[in-house]
PDB file of all heavy atoms in Angstrom:
ATOM      1  N   GLY A   1      13.990  -3.197  -3.374  1.00  0.00           N
ATOM      2  CA  GLY A   1      14.672  -3.036  -2.121  1.00  0.00           C
ATOM      3  C   GLY A   1      13.933  -2.185  -1.114  1.00  0.00           C
ATOM      4  O   GLY A   1      14.511  -1.646  -0.180  1.00  0.00           O
ATOM      5  N   TRP A   2      12.609  -2.064  -1.305  1.00  0.00           N
ATOM      6  CA  TRP A   2      11.831  -1.222  -0.379  1.00  0.00           C
ATOM      7  C   TRP A   2      11.656  -1.919   0.985  1.00  0.00           C
ATOM      8  O   TRP A   2      11.461  -3.138   1.068  1.00  0.00           O
ATOM      9  CB  TRP A   2      10.441  -0.933  -0.974  1.00  0.00           C
ATOM     10  CG  TRP A   2      10.490  -0.106  -2.217  1.00  0.00           C
ATOM     11  CD1 TRP A   2      11.503   0.639  -2.689  1.00  0.00           C
ATOM     12  CD2 TRP A   2       9.405   0.031  -3.160  1.00  0.00           C
ATOM     13  NE1 TRP A   2      11.129   1.277  -3.866  1.00  0.00           N
ATOM     14  CE2 TRP A   2       9.858   0.898  -4.191  1.00  0.00           C
ATOM     15  CE3 TRP A   2       8.122  -0.482  -3.268  1.00  0.00           C
ATOM     16  CZ2 TRP A   2       9.076   1.289  -5.287  1.00  0.00           C
ATOM     17  CZ3 TRP A   2       7.332  -0.126  -4.326  1.00  0.00           C
ATOM     18  CH2 TRP A   2       7.793   0.737  -5.323  1.00  0.00           C
ATOM     19  N   LYS A   3      11.654  -1.144   2.003  1.00  0.00           N
ATOM     20  CA  LYS A   3      11.378  -1.634   3.357  1.00  0.00           C
ATOM     21  C   LYS A   3      10.068  -1.010   3.829  1.00  0.00           C
ATOM     22  O   LYS A   3       9.946   0.228   3.824  1.00  0.00           O
ATOM     23  CB  LYS A   3      12.515  -1.262   4.322  1.00  0.00           C
ATOM     24  CG  LYS A   3      12.322  -1.714   5.760  1.00  0.00           C
ATOM     25  CD  LYS A   3      12.407  -3.207   5.900  1.00  0.00           C
ATOM     26  CE  LYS A   3      12.347  -3.645   7.346  1.00  0.00           C
ATOM     27  NZ  LYS A   3      12.329  -5.085   7.515  1.00  0.00           N
ATOM     28  N   PHE A   4       9.125  -1.830   4.234  1.00  0.00           N
ATOM     29  CA  PHE A   4       7.770  -1.350   4.595  1.00  0.00           C
ATOM     30  C   PHE A   4       7.610  -1.229   6.123  1.00  0.00           C
ATOM     31  O   PHE A   4       8.058  -2.090   6.853  1.00  0.00           O
ATOM     32  CB  PHE A   4       6.699  -2.284   4.042  1.00  0.00           C
ATOM     33  CG  PHE A   4       6.546  -2.239   2.527  1.00  0.00           C
ATOM     34  CD1 PHE A   4       7.354  -3.049   1.732  1.00  0.00           C
ATOM     35  CD2 PHE A   4       5.642  -1.397   1.963  1.00  0.00           C
ATOM     36  CE1 PHE A   4       7.209  -3.022   0.348  1.00  0.00           C
ATOM     37  CE2 PHE A   4       5.489  -1.358   0.561  1.00  0.00           C
ATOM     38  CZ  PHE A   4       6.286  -2.163  -0.224  1.00  0.00           C
ATOM     39  N   TYR A   5       6.935  -0.114   6.518  1.00  0.00           N
ATOM     40  CA  TYR A   5       6.585   0.065   7.908  1.00  0.00           C
ATOM     41  C   TYR A   5       5.105   0.369   8.015  1.00  0.00           C
ATOM     42  O   TYR A   5       4.567   1.203   7.268  1.00  0.00           O
ATOM     43  CB  TYR A   5       7.395   1.275   8.469  1.00  0.00           C
ATOM     44  CG  TYR A   5       8.868   1.050   8.451  1.00  0.00           C
ATOM     45  CD1 TYR A   5       9.650   1.446   7.357  1.00  0.00           C
ATOM     46  CD2 TYR A   5       9.545   0.400   9.487  1.00  0.00           C
ATOM     47  CE1 TYR A   5      11.028   1.267   7.315  1.00  0.00           C
ATOM     48  CE2 TYR A   5      10.906   0.178   9.461  1.00  0.00           C
ATOM     49  CZ  TYR A   5      11.642   0.629   8.369  1.00  0.00           C
ATOM     50  OH  TYR A   5      12.984   0.406   8.308  1.00  0.00           O
ATOM     51  N   LYS A   6       4.423  -0.305   8.934  1.00  0.00           N
ATOM     52  CA  LYS A   6       2.988  -0.189   9.043  1.00  0.00           C
ATOM     53  C   LYS A   6       2.588   0.892  10.063  1.00  0.00           C
ATOM     54  O   LYS A   6       3.125   0.983  11.188  1.00  0.00           O
ATOM     55  CB  LYS A   6       2.350  -1.505   9.472  1.00  0.00           C
ATOM     56  CG  LYS A   6       0.824  -1.514   9.490  1.00  0.00           C
ATOM     57  CD  LYS A   6       0.288  -2.874   9.815  1.00  0.00           C
ATOM     58  CE  LYS A   6      -1.226  -2.887   9.740  1.00  0.00           C
ATOM     59  NZ  LYS A   6      -1.844  -4.175  10.099  1.00  0.00           N
ATOM     60  N   ILE A   7       1.662   1.758   9.645  1.00  0.00           N
ATOM     61  CA  ILE A   7       1.054   2.738  10.532  1.00  0.00           C
ATOM     62  C   ILE A   7      -0.453   2.577  10.374  1.00  0.00           C
ATOM     63  O   ILE A   7      -1.017   2.885   9.295  1.00  0.00           O
ATOM     64  CB  ILE A   7       1.484   4.165  10.208  1.00  0.00           C
ATOM     65  CG1 ILE A   7       3.005   4.307  10.292  1.00  0.00           C
ATOM     66  CG2 ILE A   7       0.802   5.168  11.139  1.00  0.00           C
ATOM     67  CD1 ILE A   7       3.518   5.660   9.911  1.00  0.00           C
ATOM     68  N   ASP A   8      -1.140   2.066  11.389  1.00  0.00           N
ATOM     69  CA  ASP A   8      -2.571   1.746  11.310  1.00  0.00           C
ATOM     70  C   ASP A   8      -2.795   0.757  10.200  1.00  0.00           C
ATOM     71  O   ASP A   8      -2.206  -0.321  10.190  1.00  0.00           O
ATOM     72  CB  ASP A   8      -3.394   3.030  11.155  1.00  0.00           C
ATOM     73  CG  ASP A   8      -3.275   3.951  12.362  1.00  0.00           C
ATOM     74  OD1 ASP A   8      -3.138   3.436  13.465  1.00  0.00           O
ATOM     75  OD2 ASP A   8      -3.269   5.183  12.177  1.00  0.00           O
ATOM     76  N   TYR A   9      -3.634   1.117   9.193  1.00  0.00           N
ATOM     77  CA  TYR A   9      -3.929   0.189   8.128  1.00  0.00           C
ATOM     78  C   TYR A   9      -3.018   0.369   6.921  1.00  0.00           C
ATOM     79  O   TYR A   9      -3.140  -0.302   5.903  1.00  0.00           O
ATOM     80  CB  TYR A   9      -5.402   0.405   7.656  1.00  0.00           C
ATOM     81  CG  TYR A   9      -5.617   1.728   7.013  1.00  0.00           C
ATOM     82  CD1 TYR A   9      -5.534   1.868   5.636  1.00  0.00           C
ATOM     83  CD2 TYR A   9      -5.941   2.859   7.766  1.00  0.00           C
ATOM     84  CE1 TYR A   9      -5.751   3.101   4.991  1.00  0.00           C
ATOM     85  CE2 TYR A   9      -6.132   4.087   7.159  1.00  0.00           C
ATOM     86  CZ  TYR A   9      -6.043   4.193   5.793  1.00  0.00           C
ATOM     87  OH  TYR A   9      -6.242   5.415   5.180  1.00  0.00           O
ATOM     88  N   TYR A  10      -2.084   1.306   7.011  1.00  0.00           N
ATOM     89  CA  TYR A  10      -1.287   1.714   5.850  1.00  0.00           C
ATOM     90  C   TYR A  10       0.182   1.342   6.019  1.00  0.00           C
ATOM     91  O   TYR A  10       0.719   1.362   7.125  1.00  0.00           O
ATOM     92  CB  TYR A  10      -1.394   3.233   5.670  1.00  0.00           C
ATOM     93  CG  TYR A  10      -0.992   3.744   4.294  1.00  0.00           C
ATOM     94  CD1 TYR A  10      -1.857   3.692   3.223  1.00  0.00           C
ATOM     95  CD2 TYR A  10       0.277   4.349   4.116  1.00  0.00           C
ATOM     96  CE1 TYR A  10      -1.489   4.165   1.959  1.00  0.00           C
ATOM     97  CE2 TYR A  10       0.628   4.831   2.873  1.00  0.00           C
ATOM     98  CZ  TYR A  10      -0.249   4.737   1.825  1.00  0.00           C
ATOM     99  OH  TYR A  10       0.106   5.222   0.570  1.00  0.00           O
ATOM    100  N   TYR A  11       0.824   0.973   4.885  1.00  0.00           N
ATOM    101  CA  TYR A  11       2.227   0.624   4.915  1.00  0.00           C
ATOM    102  C   TYR A  11       2.995   1.665   4.071  1.00  0.00           C
ATOM    103  O   TYR A  11       2.667   1.881   2.899  1.00  0.00           O
ATOM    104  CB  TYR A  11       2.459  -0.765   4.286  1.00  0.00           C
ATOM    105  CG  TYR A  11       1.815  -1.908   5.019  1.00  0.00           C
ATOM    106  CD1 TYR A  11       0.471  -2.253   4.763  1.00  0.00           C
ATOM    107  CD2 TYR A  11       2.516  -2.668   5.926  1.00  0.00           C
ATOM    108  CE1 TYR A  11      -0.141  -3.286   5.419  1.00  0.00           C
ATOM    109  CE2 TYR A  11       1.930  -3.731   6.600  1.00  0.00           C
ATOM    110  CZ  TYR A  11       0.600  -4.042   6.321  1.00  0.00           C
ATOM    111  OH  TYR A  11      -0.019  -5.094   6.988  1.00  0.00           O
ATOM    112  N   SER A  12       3.995   2.276   4.655  1.00  0.00           N
ATOM    113  CA  SER A  12       4.836   3.204   3.965  1.00  0.00           C
ATOM    114  C   SER A  12       6.156   2.507   3.583  1.00  0.00           C
ATOM    115  O   SER A  12       6.738   1.792   4.410  1.00  0.00           O
ATOM    116  CB  SER A  12       5.165   4.434   4.824  1.00  0.00           C
ATOM    117  OG  SER A  12       4.004   5.204   5.017  1.00  0.00           O
ATOM    118  N   ALA A  13       6.598   2.693   2.342  1.00  0.00           N
ATOM    119  CA  ALA A  13       7.801   2.038   1.857  1.00  0.00           C
ATOM    120  C   ALA A  13       8.938   3.050   1.816  1.00  0.00           C
ATOM    121  O   ALA A  13       8.786   4.184   1.376  1.00  0.00           O
ATOM    122  CB  ALA A  13       7.562   1.466   0.474  1.00  0.00           C
ATOM    123  N   PHE A  14      10.112   2.589   2.257  1.00  0.00           N
ATOM    124  CA  PHE A  14      11.294   3.441   2.316  1.00  0.00           C
ATOM    125  C   PHE A  14      12.466   2.816   1.587  1.00  0.00           C
ATOM    126  O   PHE A  14      12.593   1.574   1.546  1.00  0.00           O
ATOM    127  CB  PHE A  14      11.700   3.700   3.758  1.00  0.00           C
ATOM    128  CG  PHE A  14      10.808   4.615   4.518  1.00  0.00           C
ATOM    129  CD1 PHE A  14       9.553   4.164   4.974  1.00  0.00           C
ATOM    130  CD2 PHE A  14      11.194   5.932   4.788  1.00  0.00           C
ATOM    131  CE1 PHE A  14       8.726   5.024   5.670  1.00  0.00           C
ATOM    132  CE2 PHE A  14      10.349   6.769   5.500  1.00  0.00           C
ATOM    133  CZ  PHE A  14       9.107   6.337   5.925  1.00  0.00           C
ATOM    134  N   VAL A  15      13.326   3.651   1.018  1.00  0.00           N
ATOM    135  CA  VAL A  15      14.669   3.256   0.601  1.00  0.00           C
ATOM    136  C   VAL A  15      15.603   4.020   1.529  1.00  0.00           C
ATOM    137  O   VAL A  15      15.662   5.249   1.487  1.00  0.00           O
ATOM    138  CB  VAL A  15      14.957   3.630  -0.863  1.00  0.00           C
ATOM    139  CG1 VAL A  15      16.409   3.360  -1.200  1.00  0.00           C
ATOM    140  CG2 VAL A  15      14.054   2.804  -1.801  1.00  0.00           C
ATOM    141  N   GLU A  16      16.285   3.264   2.386  1.00  0.00           N
ATOM    142  CA  GLU A  16      17.072   3.865   3.474  1.00  0.00           C
ATOM    143  C   GLU A  16      16.153   4.775   4.288  1.00  0.00           C
ATOM    144  O   GLU A  16      15.146   4.321   4.820  1.00  0.00           O
ATOM    145  CB  GLU A  16      18.296   4.583   2.918  1.00  0.00           C
ATOM    146  CG  GLU A  16      19.247   3.648   2.196  1.00  0.00           C
ATOM    147  CD  GLU A  16      20.453   4.346   1.559  1.00  0.00           C
ATOM    148  OE1 GLU A  16      20.448   5.598   1.512  1.00  0.00           O
ATOM    149  OE2 GLU A  16      21.362   3.641   1.158  1.00  0.00           O
ATOM    150  N   ASP A  17      16.400   6.083   4.377  1.00  0.00           N
ATOM    151  CA  ASP A  17      15.571   6.923   5.240  1.00  0.00           C
ATOM    152  C   ASP A  17      14.591   7.784   4.429  1.00  0.00           C
ATOM    153  O   ASP A  17      13.959   8.695   4.952  1.00  0.00           O
ATOM    154  CB  ASP A  17      16.443   7.862   6.089  1.00  0.00           C
ATOM    155  CG  ASP A  17      17.303   8.768   5.235  1.00  0.00           C
ATOM    156  OD1 ASP A  17      17.489   8.514   4.017  1.00  0.00           O
ATOM    157  OD2 ASP A  17      17.830   9.767   5.781  1.00  0.00           O
ATOM    158  N   LYS A  18      14.418   7.442   3.136  1.00  0.00           N
ATOM    159  CA  LYS A  18      13.552   8.251   2.273  1.00  0.00           C
ATOM    160  C   LYS A  18      12.299   7.452   1.928  1.00  0.00           C
ATOM    161  O   LYS A  18      12.359   6.350   1.418  1.00  0.00           O
ATOM    162  CB  LYS A  18      14.272   8.681   1.010  1.00  0.00           C
ATOM    163  CG  LYS A  18      15.430   9.618   1.246  1.00  0.00           C
ATOM    164  CD  LYS A  18      15.992  10.134  -0.063  1.00  0.00           C
ATOM    165  CE  LYS A  18      17.203  11.051   0.210  1.00  0.00           C
ATOM    166  NZ  LYS A  18      16.827  12.227   1.021  1.00  0.00           N
ATOM    167  N   GLU A  19      11.143   8.038   2.194  1.00  0.00           N
ATOM    168  CA  GLU A  19       9.870   7.428   1.841  1.00  0.00           C
ATOM    169  C   GLU A  19       9.736   7.474   0.323  1.00  0.00           C
ATOM    170  O   GLU A  19      10.031   8.473  -0.316  1.00  0.00           O
ATOM    171  CB  GLU A  19       8.684   8.144   2.485  1.00  0.00           C
ATOM    172  CG  GLU A  19       7.363   7.460   2.230  1.00  0.00           C
ATOM    173  CD  GLU A  19       6.206   8.121   2.966  1.00  0.00           C
ATOM    174  OE1 GLU A  19       6.423   9.214   3.541  1.00  0.00           O
ATOM    175  OE2 GLU A  19       5.128   7.549   2.958  1.00  0.00           O
ATOM    176  N   VAL A  20       9.274   6.372  -0.264  1.00  0.00           N
ATOM    177  CA  VAL A  20       9.180   6.303  -1.728  1.00  0.00           C
ATOM    178  C   VAL A  20       7.760   6.025  -2.225  1.00  0.00           C
ATOM    179  O   VAL A  20       7.395   6.427  -3.328  1.00  0.00           O
ATOM    180  CB  VAL A  20      10.141   5.281  -2.331  1.00  0.00           C
ATOM    181  CG1 VAL A  20      11.561   5.721  -2.213  1.00  0.00           C
ATOM    182  CG2 VAL A  20       9.971   3.881  -1.687  1.00  0.00           C
ATOM    183  N   THR A  21       6.956   5.343  -1.416  1.00  0.00           N
ATOM    184  CA  THR A  21       5.608   4.991  -1.899  1.00  0.00           C
ATOM    185  C   THR A  21       4.798   4.426  -0.723  1.00  0.00           C
ATOM    186  O   THR A  21       5.249   4.473   0.418  1.00  0.00           O
ATOM    187  CB  THR A  21       5.657   4.003  -3.038  1.00  0.00           C
ATOM    188  OG1 THR A  21       4.348   3.815  -3.564  1.00  0.00           O
ATOM    189  CG2 THR A  21       6.199   2.640  -2.621  1.00  0.00           C
ATOM    190  N   GLY A  22       3.598   3.922  -0.985  1.00  0.00           N
ATOM    191  CA  GLY A  22       2.773   3.342   0.044  1.00  0.00           C
ATOM    192  C   GLY A  22       1.984   2.160  -0.440  1.00  0.00           C
ATOM    193  O   GLY A  22       1.906   1.898  -1.659  1.00  0.00           O
ATOM    194  N   LEU A  23       1.394   1.433   0.496  1.00  0.00           N
ATOM    195  CA  LEU A  23       0.608   0.219   0.175  1.00  0.00           C
ATOM    196  C   LEU A  23      -0.492   0.040   1.174  1.00  0.00           C
ATOM    197  O   LEU A  23      -0.334   0.355   2.366  1.00  0.00           O
ATOM    198  CB  LEU A  23       1.566  -0.969   0.192  1.00  0.00           C
ATOM    199  CG  LEU A  23       1.046  -2.373  -0.070  1.00  0.00           C
ATOM    200  CD1 LEU A  23       2.122  -3.227  -0.720  1.00  0.00           C
ATOM    201  CD2 LEU A  23       0.584  -3.058   1.264  1.00  0.00           C
ATOM    202  N   TYR A  24      -1.659  -0.427   0.722  1.00  0.00           N
ATOM    203  CA  TYR A  24      -2.741  -0.715   1.642  1.00  0.00           C
ATOM    204  C   TYR A  24      -3.533  -1.876   1.102  1.00  0.00           C
ATOM    205  O   TYR A  24      -3.542  -2.178  -0.108  1.00  0.00           O
ATOM    206  CB  TYR A  24      -3.639   0.509   1.865  1.00  0.00           C
ATOM    207  CG  TYR A  24      -4.337   0.994   0.630  1.00  0.00           C
ATOM    208  CD1 TYR A  24      -5.634   0.612   0.336  1.00  0.00           C
ATOM    209  CD2 TYR A  24      -3.724   1.865  -0.253  1.00  0.00           C
ATOM    210  CE1 TYR A  24      -6.305   1.052  -0.791  1.00  0.00           C
ATOM    211  CE2 TYR A  24      -4.360   2.317  -1.385  1.00  0.00           C
ATOM    212  CZ  TYR A  24      -5.656   1.899  -1.663  1.00  0.00           C
ATOM    213  OH  TYR A  24      -6.294   2.364  -2.794  1.00  0.00           O
ATOM    214  N   GLU A  25      -4.252  -2.557   2.027  1.00  0.00           N
ATOM    215  CA  GLU A  25      -5.087  -3.682   1.592  1.00  0.00           C
ATOM    216  C   GLU A  25      -6.398  -3.162   0.998  1.00  0.00           C
ATOM    217  O   GLU A  25      -7.071  -2.243   1.562  1.00  0.00           O
ATOM    218  CB  GLU A  25      -5.400  -4.587   2.782  1.00  0.00           C
ATOM    219  CG  GLU A  25      -6.204  -5.826   2.389  1.00  0.00           C
ATOM    220  CD  GLU A  25      -6.280  -6.870   3.450  1.00  0.00           C
ATOM    221  OE1 GLU A  25      -5.692  -6.650   4.548  1.00  0.00           O
ATOM    222  OE2 GLU A  25      -6.937  -7.906   3.239  1.00  0.00           O
ATOM    223  N   THR A  26      -6.784  -3.731  -0.128  1.00  0.00           N
ATOM    224  CA  THR A  26      -8.001  -3.339  -0.803  1.00  0.00           C
ATOM    225  C   THR A  26      -9.187  -3.509   0.140  1.00  0.00           C
ATOM    226  O   THR A  26      -9.380  -4.555   0.716  1.00  0.00           O
ATOM    227  CB  THR A  26      -8.213  -4.208  -2.066  1.00  0.00           C
ATOM    228  OG1 THR A  26      -7.072  -4.131  -2.889  1.00  0.00           O
ATOM    229  CG2 THR A  26      -9.446  -3.752  -2.842  1.00  0.00           C
ATOM    230  N   PRO A  27     -10.007  -2.451   0.327  1.00  0.00           N
ATOM    231  CA  PRO A  27     -11.183  -2.582   1.178  1.00  0.00           C
ATOM    232  C   PRO A  27     -12.125  -3.709   0.722  1.00  0.00           C
ATOM    233  O   PRO A  27     -12.227  -4.011  -0.467  1.00  0.00           O
ATOM    234  CB  PRO A  27     -11.871  -1.210   1.042  1.00  0.00           C
ATOM    235  CG  PRO A  27     -10.756  -0.288   0.705  1.00  0.00           C
ATOM    236  CD  PRO A  27      -9.832  -1.087  -0.190  1.00  0.00           C
ATOM    237  N   GLU A  28     -12.800  -4.297   1.703  1.00  0.00           N
ATOM    238  CA  GLU A  28     -13.641  -5.469   1.385  1.00  0.00           C
ATOM    239  C   GLU A  28     -14.703  -5.207   0.332  1.00  0.00           C
ATOM    240  O   GLU A  28     -14.973  -6.086  -0.542  1.00  0.00           O
ATOM    241  CB  GLU A  28     -14.308  -5.963   2.683  1.00  0.00           C
ATOM    242  CG  GLU A  28     -14.999  -7.275   2.569  1.00  0.00           C
ATOM    243  CD  GLU A  28     -14.075  -8.430   2.152  1.00  0.00           C
ATOM    244  OE1 GLU A  28     -12.916  -8.428   2.587  1.00  0.00           O
ATOM    245  OE2 GLU A  28     -14.529  -9.326   1.415  1.00  0.00           O
ATOM    246  N   LYS A  29     -15.311  -4.016   0.369  1.00  0.00           N
ATOM    247  CA  LYS A  29     -16.357  -3.747  -0.653  1.00  0.00           C
ATOM    248  C   LYS A  29     -15.831  -3.769  -2.063  1.00  0.00           C
ATOM    249  O   LYS A  29     -16.485  -4.154  -2.998  1.00  0.00           O
ATOM    250  CB  LYS A  29     -17.055  -2.443  -0.324  1.00  0.00           C
ATOM    251  CG  LYS A  29     -16.224  -1.178  -0.492  1.00  0.00           C
ATOM    252  CD  LYS A  29     -17.038   0.052  -0.260  1.00  0.00           C
ATOM    253  CE  LYS A  29     -16.245   1.327  -0.445  1.00  0.00           C
ATOM    254  NZ  LYS A  29     -17.097   2.536  -0.244  1.00  0.00           N
ATOM    255  N   PHE A  30     -14.544  -3.330  -2.223  1.00  0.00           N
ATOM    256  CA  PHE A  30     -13.950  -3.346  -3.542  1.00  0.00           C
ATOM    257  C   PHE A  30     -13.485  -4.756  -3.934  1.00  0.00           C
ATOM    258  O   PHE A  30     -13.468  -5.109  -5.099  1.00  0.00           O
ATOM    259  CB  PHE A  30     -12.801  -2.359  -3.624  1.00  0.00           C
ATOM    260  CG  PHE A  30     -13.241  -0.931  -3.487  1.00  0.00           C
ATOM    261  CD1 PHE A  30     -12.703  -0.113  -2.499  1.00  0.00           C
ATOM    262  CD2 PHE A  30     -14.199  -0.422  -4.327  1.00  0.00           C
ATOM    263  CE1 PHE A  30     -13.112   1.205  -2.377  1.00  0.00           C
ATOM    264  CE2 PHE A  30     -14.618   0.907  -4.198  1.00  0.00           C
ATOM    265  CZ  PHE A  30     -14.081   1.740  -3.221  1.00  0.00           C
ATOM    266  N   LYS A  31     -13.134  -5.573  -2.908  1.00  0.00           N
ATOM    267  CA  LYS A  31     -12.863  -6.969  -3.206  1.00  0.00           C
ATOM    268  C   LYS A  31     -14.115  -7.662  -3.710  1.00  0.00           C
ATOM    269  O   LYS A  31     -14.030  -8.465  -4.659  1.00  0.00           O
ATOM    270  CB  LYS A  31     -12.337  -7.683  -1.929  1.00  0.00           C
ATOM    271  CG  LYS A  31     -10.983  -7.264  -1.474  1.00  0.00           C
ATOM    272  CD  LYS A  31     -10.561  -8.081  -0.245  1.00  0.00           C
ATOM    273  CE  LYS A  31      -9.206  -7.700   0.298  1.00  0.00           C
ATOM    274  NZ  LYS A  31      -8.845  -8.450   1.488  1.00  0.00           N
ATOM    275  N   GLN A  32     -15.257  -7.383  -3.118  1.00  0.00           N
ATOM    276  CA  GLN A  32     -16.486  -8.004  -3.566  1.00  0.00           C
ATOM    277  C   GLN A  32     -16.852  -7.574  -4.979  1.00  0.00           C
ATOM    278  O   GLN A  32     -17.486  -8.364  -5.725  1.00  0.00           O
ATOM    279  CB  GLN A  32     -17.629  -7.589  -2.617  1.00  0.00           C
ATOM    280  CG  GLN A  32     -17.487  -8.096  -1.195  1.00  0.00           C
ATOM    281  CD  GLN A  32     -17.406  -9.608  -1.084  1.00  0.00           C
ATOM    282  OE1 GLN A  32     -18.126 -10.306  -1.812  1.00  0.00           O
ATOM    283  NE2 GLN A  32     -16.594 -10.116  -0.200  1.00  0.00           N
ATOM    284  N   MET A  33     -16.407  -6.364  -5.384  1.00  0.00           N
ATOM    285  CA  MET A  33     -16.643  -5.893  -6.741  1.00  0.00           C
ATOM    286  C   MET A  33     -15.606  -6.467  -7.688  1.00  0.00           C
ATOM    287  O   MET A  33     -15.659  -6.207  -8.937  1.00  0.00           O
ATOM    288  CB  MET A  33     -16.575  -4.366  -6.780  1.00  0.00           C
ATOM    289  CG  MET A  33     -17.685  -3.696  -6.008  1.00  0.00           C
ATOM    290  SD  MET A  33     -17.337  -1.916  -5.710  1.00  0.00           S
ATOM    291  CE  MET A  33     -17.182  -1.325  -7.390  1.00  0.00           C
ATOM    292  N   ARG A  34     -14.638  -7.162  -7.150  1.00  0.00           N
ATOM    293  CA  ARG A  34     -13.515  -7.746  -7.937  1.00  0.00           C
ATOM    294  C   ARG A  34     -12.689  -6.678  -8.619  1.00  0.00           C
ATOM    295  O   ARG A  34     -12.265  -6.829  -9.757  1.00  0.00           O
ATOM    296  CB  ARG A  34     -14.020  -8.773  -8.914  1.00  0.00           C
ATOM    297  CG  ARG A  34     -12.942  -9.755  -9.375  1.00  0.00           C
ATOM    298  CD  ARG A  34     -12.260 -10.521  -8.255  1.00  0.00           C
ATOM    299  NE  ARG A  34     -10.963 -11.051  -8.657  1.00  0.00           N
ATOM    300  CZ  ARG A  34      -9.771 -10.545  -8.307  1.00  0.00           C
ATOM    301  NH1 ARG A  34      -9.729  -9.504  -7.508  1.00  0.00           N
ATOM    302  NH2 ARG A  34      -8.672 -11.080  -8.735  1.00  0.00           N
ATOM    303  N   MET A  35     -12.494  -5.550  -7.914  1.00  0.00           N
ATOM    304  CA  MET A  35     -11.601  -4.494  -8.409  1.00  0.00           C
ATOM    305  C   MET A  35     -10.169  -5.072  -8.395  1.00  0.00           C
ATOM    306  O   MET A  35      -9.775  -5.711  -7.448  1.00  0.00           O
ATOM    307  CB  MET A  35     -11.684  -3.288  -7.523  1.00  0.00           C
ATOM    308  CG  MET A  35     -10.821  -2.104  -8.014  1.00  0.00           C
ATOM    309  SD  MET A  35     -11.007  -0.655  -6.953  1.00  0.00           S
ATOM    310  CE  MET A  35     -12.644  -0.132  -7.416  1.00  0.00           C
ATOM    311  N   PRO A  36      -9.396  -4.886  -9.466  1.00  0.00           N
ATOM    312  CA  PRO A  36      -8.051  -5.466  -9.523  1.00  0.00           C
ATOM    313  C   PRO A  36      -7.077  -4.750  -8.579  1.00  0.00           C
ATOM    314  O   PRO A  36      -7.328  -3.654  -8.088  1.00  0.00           O
ATOM    315  CB  PRO A  36      -7.652  -5.265 -10.971  1.00  0.00           C
ATOM    316  CG  PRO A  36      -8.443  -4.082 -11.415  1.00  0.00           C
ATOM    317  CD  PRO A  36      -9.743  -4.167 -10.708  1.00  0.00           C
ATOM    318  N   HIS A  37      -5.947  -5.410  -8.350  1.00  0.00           N
ATOM    319  CA  HIS A  37      -4.808  -4.738  -7.714  1.00  0.00           C
ATOM    320  C   HIS A  37      -4.394  -3.613  -8.653  1.00  0.00           C
ATOM    321  O   HIS A  37      -4.427  -3.778  -9.866  1.00  0.00           O
ATOM    322  CB  HIS A  37      -3.631  -5.683  -7.574  1.00  0.00           C
ATOM    323  CG  HIS A  37      -3.920  -6.923  -6.769  1.00  0.00           C
ATOM    324  ND1 HIS A  37      -3.146  -7.314  -5.697  1.00  0.00           N
ATOM    325  CD2 HIS A  37      -4.886  -7.885  -6.899  1.00  0.00           C
ATOM    326  CE1 HIS A  37      -3.592  -8.447  -5.189  1.00  0.00           C
ATOM    327  NE2 HIS A  37      -4.656  -8.806  -5.878  1.00  0.00           N
ATOM    328  N   PHE A  38      -4.006  -2.434  -8.102  1.00  0.00           N
ATOM    329  CA  PHE A  38      -3.620  -1.338  -8.998  1.00  0.00           C
ATOM    330  C   PHE A  38      -2.725  -0.332  -8.331  1.00  0.00           C
ATOM    331  O   PHE A  38      -2.731  -0.159  -7.104  1.00  0.00           O
ATOM    332  CB  PHE A  38      -4.884  -0.624  -9.537  1.00  0.00           C
ATOM    333  CG  PHE A  38      -5.676   0.081  -8.460  1.00  0.00           C
ATOM    334  CD1 PHE A  38      -5.414   1.386  -8.104  1.00  0.00           C
ATOM    335  CD2 PHE A  38      -6.713  -0.583  -7.816  1.00  0.00           C
ATOM    336  CE1 PHE A  38      -6.144   2.046  -7.145  1.00  0.00           C
ATOM    337  CE2 PHE A  38      -7.468   0.075  -6.822  1.00  0.00           C
ATOM    338  CZ  PHE A  38      -7.183   1.373  -6.481  1.00  0.00           C
ATOM    339  N   TRP A  39      -1.924   0.318  -9.152  1.00  0.00           N
ATOM    340  CA  TRP A  39      -1.112   1.485  -8.735  1.00  0.00           C
ATOM    341  C   TRP A  39      -1.889   2.766  -8.976  1.00  0.00           C
ATOM    342  O   TRP A  39      -2.498   2.942 -10.031  1.00  0.00           O
ATOM    343  CB  TRP A  39       0.201   1.546  -9.537  1.00  0.00           C
ATOM    344  CG  TRP A  39       1.265   0.690  -8.941  1.00  0.00           C
ATOM    345  CD1 TRP A  39       1.679  -0.566  -9.337  1.00  0.00           C
ATOM    346  CD2 TRP A  39       2.082   1.039  -7.806  1.00  0.00           C
ATOM    347  NE1 TRP A  39       2.687  -1.028  -8.533  1.00  0.00           N
ATOM    348  CE2 TRP A  39       2.951  -0.067  -7.591  1.00  0.00           C
ATOM    349  CE3 TRP A  39       2.177   2.136  -6.985  1.00  0.00           C
ATOM    350  CZ2 TRP A  39       3.899  -0.085  -6.552  1.00  0.00           C
ATOM    351  CZ3 TRP A  39       3.090   2.125  -5.959  1.00  0.00           C
ATOM    352  CH2 TRP A  39       3.941   1.044  -5.738  1.00  0.00           C
ATOM    353  N   MET A  40      -1.875   3.631  -8.000  1.00  0.00           N
ATOM    354  CA  MET A  40      -2.634   4.888  -8.069  1.00  0.00           C
ATOM    355  C   MET A  40      -1.723   6.077  -8.128  1.00  0.00           C
ATOM    356  O   MET A  40      -0.773   6.218  -7.335  1.00  0.00           O
ATOM    357  CB  MET A  40      -3.551   5.003  -6.817  1.00  0.00           C
ATOM    358  CG  MET A  40      -4.288   6.330  -6.673  1.00  0.00           C
ATOM    359  SD  MET A  40      -5.530   6.550  -7.986  1.00  0.00           S
ATOM    360  CE  MET A  40      -6.765   5.378  -7.478  1.00  0.00           C
ATOM    361  N   THR A  41      -1.981   6.979  -9.075  1.00  0.00           N
ATOM    362  CA  THR A  41      -1.258   8.250  -9.202  1.00  0.00           C
ATOM    363  C   THR A  41      -1.940   9.311  -8.347  1.00  0.00           C
ATOM    364  O   THR A  41      -3.189   9.451  -8.381  1.00  0.00           O
ATOM    365  CB  THR A  41      -1.197   8.717 -10.656  1.00  0.00           C
ATOM    366  OG1 THR A  41      -0.325   7.856 -11.367  1.00  0.00           O
ATOM    367  CG2 THR A  41      -0.727  10.145 -10.779  1.00  0.00           C
TER     368      THR A  41
END
């Protein structure tokens, strides 16, 4: 049920008015290296 809002290249996810996480597109150089999609701590 997350709602995403974009600021520049980054997407912040919210549940109601509370930020819960973030998302961004993998940079091209890492795509070329075939780095997988991943969650970061």
